[in-house]
N, C-alpha and C. Protein backbone atom coordinates (compact mmCIF):
# COMPACT_ATOMS: atom_id res chain seq x y z
N MET A 1 16.12 -11.41 19.70
CA MET A 1 16.14 -10.28 20.58
C MET A 1 17.07 -9.20 20.08
N PHE A 2 18.06 -9.53 19.29
CA PHE A 2 18.95 -8.53 18.70
C PHE A 2 18.60 -8.41 17.22
N ALA A 3 17.45 -7.81 16.96
CA ALA A 3 16.94 -7.66 15.60
C ALA A 3 17.72 -6.56 14.88
N PRO A 4 17.77 -6.64 13.54
CA PRO A 4 18.39 -5.54 12.80
C PRO A 4 17.52 -4.29 12.92
N LEU A 5 18.16 -3.16 13.08
CA LEU A 5 17.45 -1.89 13.22
C LEU A 5 17.74 -1.01 12.01
N VAL A 6 16.85 -0.09 11.69
CA VAL A 6 17.07 0.89 10.63
C VAL A 6 17.96 1.97 11.23
N TYR A 7 19.21 2.03 10.79
CA TYR A 7 20.22 2.89 11.41
C TYR A 7 19.76 4.33 11.59
N THR A 8 19.18 4.90 10.56
CA THR A 8 18.79 6.32 10.62
C THR A 8 17.54 6.55 11.46
N GLN A 9 16.92 5.47 11.92
CA GLN A 9 15.70 5.60 12.73
C GLN A 9 15.82 4.81 14.03
N ALA A 10 17.05 4.70 14.52
CA ALA A 10 17.28 3.93 15.75
C ALA A 10 18.44 4.53 16.53
N LYS A 11 18.11 5.15 17.65
CA LYS A 11 19.20 5.74 18.46
C LYS A 11 20.07 4.67 19.11
N THR A 12 19.57 3.45 19.21
CA THR A 12 20.37 2.35 19.76
C THR A 12 21.66 2.18 18.94
N CYS A 13 21.58 2.47 17.65
CA CYS A 13 22.76 2.29 16.78
C CYS A 13 23.91 3.22 17.15
N CYS A 14 23.65 4.28 17.91
CA CYS A 14 24.70 5.22 18.32
C CYS A 14 25.27 4.88 19.70
N TRP A 15 24.78 3.83 20.31
CA TRP A 15 25.14 3.48 21.69
C TRP A 15 26.19 2.39 21.65
N ASN A 16 27.44 2.80 21.74
CA ASN A 16 28.55 1.86 21.61
C ASN A 16 29.12 1.42 22.96
N SER A 17 28.65 2.01 24.04
CA SER A 17 29.25 1.71 25.35
C SER A 17 28.47 0.68 26.15
N SER A 18 27.58 -0.05 25.47
CA SER A 18 26.89 -1.15 26.18
C SER A 18 27.94 -2.22 26.52
N THR A 19 27.58 -3.12 27.40
CA THR A 19 28.56 -4.09 27.90
C THR A 19 28.09 -5.53 27.70
N ALA A 20 28.99 -6.45 27.88
CA ALA A 20 28.65 -7.87 27.82
C ALA A 20 27.65 -8.22 28.91
N GLN A 21 27.77 -7.60 30.07
CA GLN A 21 26.84 -7.86 31.16
C GLN A 21 25.42 -7.41 30.78
N MET A 22 25.32 -6.32 30.05
CA MET A 22 24.02 -5.86 29.59
C MET A 22 23.44 -6.85 28.58
N ALA A 23 24.27 -7.38 27.71
CA ALA A 23 23.80 -8.39 26.74
C ALA A 23 23.26 -9.62 27.48
N THR A 24 23.91 -10.00 28.55
CA THR A 24 23.45 -11.14 29.35
C THR A 24 22.08 -10.84 29.97
N ILE A 25 21.87 -9.62 30.41
CA ILE A 25 20.58 -9.22 30.98
C ILE A 25 19.49 -9.28 29.90
N ILE A 26 19.81 -8.80 28.72
CA ILE A 26 18.85 -8.83 27.60
C ILE A 26 18.51 -10.27 27.24
N MET A 27 19.51 -11.13 27.18
CA MET A 27 19.29 -12.55 26.87
C MET A 27 18.44 -13.21 27.95
N ASP A 28 18.70 -12.89 29.20
CA ASP A 28 17.92 -13.46 30.30
C ASP A 28 16.46 -13.03 30.19
N TYR A 29 16.23 -11.78 29.84
CA TYR A 29 14.85 -11.30 29.67
C TYR A 29 14.15 -12.11 28.58
N ALA A 30 14.82 -12.32 27.47
CA ALA A 30 14.23 -13.07 26.35
C ALA A 30 13.94 -14.51 26.76
N GLN A 31 14.85 -15.13 27.48
CA GLN A 31 14.63 -16.52 27.90
C GLN A 31 13.45 -16.62 28.85
N LYS A 32 13.31 -15.68 29.75
CA LYS A 32 12.19 -15.70 30.69
C LYS A 32 10.89 -15.36 29.99
N GLN A 33 10.96 -14.52 28.98
CA GLN A 33 9.77 -14.17 28.20
C GLN A 33 9.25 -15.40 27.45
N GLU A 34 10.18 -16.18 26.93
CA GLU A 34 9.81 -17.37 26.18
C GLU A 34 9.30 -18.47 27.12
N ALA A 35 9.98 -18.69 28.21
CA ALA A 35 9.58 -19.64 29.27
C ALA A 35 8.99 -20.94 28.76
N GLY A 36 9.70 -21.63 27.89
CA GLY A 36 9.27 -22.94 27.40
C GLY A 36 8.20 -22.89 26.33
N GLN A 37 7.77 -21.72 25.94
CA GLN A 37 6.78 -21.57 24.89
C GLN A 37 7.49 -21.04 23.64
N CYS A 38 6.81 -21.09 22.53
CA CYS A 38 7.37 -20.50 21.33
C CYS A 38 6.82 -19.08 21.21
N VAL A 39 7.57 -18.14 21.77
CA VAL A 39 7.21 -16.73 21.76
C VAL A 39 8.38 -15.96 21.18
N THR A 40 8.13 -15.18 20.17
CA THR A 40 9.19 -14.36 19.59
C THR A 40 9.64 -13.34 20.62
N PRO A 41 10.92 -13.30 20.94
CA PRO A 41 11.40 -12.35 21.95
C PRO A 41 11.19 -10.90 21.51
N THR A 42 10.96 -10.04 22.47
CA THR A 42 10.86 -8.61 22.20
C THR A 42 12.22 -8.13 21.71
N PRO A 43 12.27 -7.47 20.57
CA PRO A 43 13.57 -6.97 20.07
C PRO A 43 14.15 -5.92 21.01
N PHE A 44 15.43 -6.02 21.26
CA PHE A 44 16.09 -5.00 22.07
C PHE A 44 16.21 -3.74 21.22
N ARG A 45 15.63 -2.66 21.74
CA ARG A 45 15.64 -1.38 21.05
C ARG A 45 15.07 -0.33 21.98
N SER A 46 15.20 0.92 21.59
CA SER A 46 14.55 1.98 22.34
C SER A 46 13.06 1.91 22.03
N GLU A 47 12.26 1.94 23.09
CA GLU A 47 10.81 1.92 22.96
C GLU A 47 10.28 3.28 23.44
N SER A 48 8.98 3.44 23.47
CA SER A 48 8.43 4.72 23.91
C SER A 48 8.90 5.09 25.32
N GLY A 49 9.25 4.11 26.14
CA GLY A 49 9.79 4.36 27.47
C GLY A 49 11.30 4.25 27.51
N GLY A 50 11.93 4.36 26.36
CA GLY A 50 13.38 4.21 26.28
C GLY A 50 13.77 2.75 26.46
N TYR A 51 14.68 2.49 27.36
CA TYR A 51 15.18 1.12 27.61
C TYR A 51 14.68 0.62 28.97
N GLN A 52 13.59 1.19 29.45
CA GLN A 52 13.08 0.89 30.78
C GLN A 52 12.80 -0.59 30.99
N ARG A 53 12.27 -1.26 29.97
CA ARG A 53 11.95 -2.69 30.09
C ARG A 53 13.18 -3.48 30.55
N TRP A 54 14.33 -3.20 29.93
CA TRP A 54 15.54 -3.95 30.26
C TRP A 54 16.21 -3.44 31.53
N ALA A 55 16.11 -2.15 31.79
CA ALA A 55 16.65 -1.61 33.04
C ALA A 55 15.88 -2.20 34.23
N ALA A 56 14.56 -2.32 34.10
CA ALA A 56 13.75 -2.90 35.17
C ALA A 56 14.09 -4.37 35.37
N HIS A 57 14.36 -5.07 34.27
CA HIS A 57 14.74 -6.48 34.40
C HIS A 57 16.09 -6.60 35.09
N ALA A 58 17.02 -5.73 34.75
CA ALA A 58 18.32 -5.73 35.43
C ALA A 58 18.12 -5.54 36.92
N ALA A 59 17.26 -4.61 37.29
CA ALA A 59 16.99 -4.36 38.72
C ALA A 59 16.37 -5.58 39.37
N SER A 60 15.47 -6.27 38.66
CA SER A 60 14.82 -7.45 39.23
C SER A 60 15.82 -8.58 39.47
N LEU A 61 16.94 -8.54 38.76
CA LEU A 61 18.00 -9.54 38.93
C LEU A 61 19.04 -9.10 39.96
N GLY A 62 18.82 -7.92 40.54
CA GLY A 62 19.80 -7.38 41.49
C GLY A 62 21.01 -6.80 40.78
N GLN A 63 20.86 -6.44 39.50
CA GLN A 63 21.98 -5.94 38.71
C GLN A 63 21.70 -4.54 38.15
N ALA A 64 20.94 -3.75 38.88
CA ALA A 64 20.59 -2.41 38.40
C ALA A 64 21.84 -1.60 38.06
N ALA A 65 22.88 -1.75 38.84
CA ALA A 65 24.11 -0.98 38.60
C ALA A 65 24.82 -1.41 37.32
N ALA A 66 24.52 -2.60 36.83
CA ALA A 66 25.15 -3.09 35.61
C ALA A 66 24.52 -2.49 34.35
N TRP A 67 23.30 -1.95 34.50
CA TRP A 67 22.62 -1.38 33.34
C TRP A 67 23.05 0.07 33.18
N LYS A 68 23.68 0.38 32.05
CA LYS A 68 24.13 1.74 31.78
C LYS A 68 23.06 2.48 31.00
N ALA A 69 22.87 3.74 31.33
CA ALA A 69 21.91 4.57 30.60
C ALA A 69 22.43 4.82 29.18
N TRP A 70 21.51 5.02 28.26
CA TRP A 70 21.88 5.32 26.87
C TRP A 70 22.73 6.56 26.83
N SER A 71 23.73 6.55 25.97
CA SER A 71 24.54 7.75 25.74
C SER A 71 24.86 7.85 24.26
N GLU A 72 25.01 9.07 23.82
CA GLU A 72 25.35 9.33 22.42
C GLU A 72 26.86 9.13 22.27
N ASP A 73 27.24 7.93 21.89
CA ASP A 73 28.65 7.58 21.83
C ASP A 73 29.30 7.91 20.50
N GLU A 74 28.50 8.33 19.55
CA GLU A 74 28.99 8.79 18.25
C GLU A 74 27.98 9.84 17.78
N SER A 75 28.31 10.58 16.75
CA SER A 75 27.36 11.54 16.21
C SER A 75 26.04 10.83 15.93
N CYS A 76 24.95 11.38 16.44
CA CYS A 76 23.68 10.66 16.39
C CYS A 76 22.52 11.57 15.99
N PRO A 77 22.36 11.82 14.70
CA PRO A 77 21.24 12.65 14.27
C PRO A 77 19.89 12.08 14.69
N GLN A 78 19.81 10.78 14.91
CA GLN A 78 18.55 10.13 15.29
C GLN A 78 18.35 10.07 16.81
N ARG A 79 19.10 10.85 17.56
CA ARG A 79 19.06 10.81 19.03
C ARG A 79 17.66 11.03 19.61
N ASP A 80 16.80 11.75 18.91
CA ASP A 80 15.48 12.06 19.44
C ASP A 80 14.39 11.08 18.99
N VAL A 81 14.79 10.01 18.33
CA VAL A 81 13.81 8.99 17.93
C VAL A 81 13.21 8.39 19.21
N ALA A 82 11.90 8.41 19.30
CA ALA A 82 11.23 7.90 20.51
C ALA A 82 11.22 6.38 20.55
N GLU A 83 11.10 5.77 19.38
CA GLU A 83 11.02 4.31 19.30
C GLU A 83 11.80 3.85 18.08
N ASP A 84 12.83 3.06 18.30
CA ASP A 84 13.65 2.57 17.20
C ASP A 84 12.81 1.75 16.22
N ARG A 85 13.17 1.84 14.96
CA ARG A 85 12.46 1.07 13.94
C ARG A 85 13.25 -0.21 13.65
N VAL A 86 12.56 -1.33 13.74
CA VAL A 86 13.16 -2.62 13.42
C VAL A 86 13.14 -2.78 11.91
N ALA A 87 14.26 -3.18 11.33
CA ALA A 87 14.36 -3.37 9.88
C ALA A 87 13.70 -4.68 9.47
N PRO A 88 13.11 -4.70 8.29
CA PRO A 88 12.56 -5.97 7.81
C PRO A 88 13.71 -6.95 7.62
N ALA A 89 13.46 -8.19 7.91
CA ALA A 89 14.50 -9.21 7.79
C ALA A 89 13.93 -10.43 7.09
N ASP A 90 14.73 -11.01 6.25
CA ASP A 90 14.35 -12.24 5.56
C ASP A 90 14.95 -13.39 6.35
N ALA A 91 14.25 -13.77 7.40
CA ALA A 91 14.77 -14.80 8.30
C ALA A 91 13.69 -15.85 8.55
N THR A 92 14.13 -16.99 9.03
CA THR A 92 13.19 -18.05 9.41
C THR A 92 12.35 -17.58 10.58
N ALA A 93 11.06 -17.82 10.50
CA ALA A 93 10.17 -17.45 11.61
C ALA A 93 10.68 -18.08 12.90
N TRP A 94 10.62 -17.33 14.00
CA TRP A 94 11.17 -17.77 15.28
C TRP A 94 10.70 -19.17 15.68
N CYS A 95 9.43 -19.43 15.57
CA CYS A 95 8.88 -20.70 16.03
C CYS A 95 9.13 -21.84 15.06
N SER A 96 9.76 -21.55 13.93
CA SER A 96 10.10 -22.59 12.97
C SER A 96 11.50 -23.14 13.20
N ARG A 97 12.21 -22.62 14.16
CA ARG A 97 13.61 -23.00 14.42
C ARG A 97 13.69 -24.31 15.14
């Protein structure tokens, strides 16, 4: 769920004010998505709807206030990227673990 992103093509890389509580929400989403099956979790990143998938999950857990909106916490030339690009990774396939 925390896949490597291409820094110059991912506004998530400029977001330094996320919290441990947000990470817990992201992990919970991945665990529920997998639900006892071998399903590769959706990578956490900005999508065409921004971070709505995870904000909605936070709300479904009664933790809407814990989800912080994206902010440009450092100089971010890629701020207008609509969908973050996931970097290729040389890793073991998820279902092979």
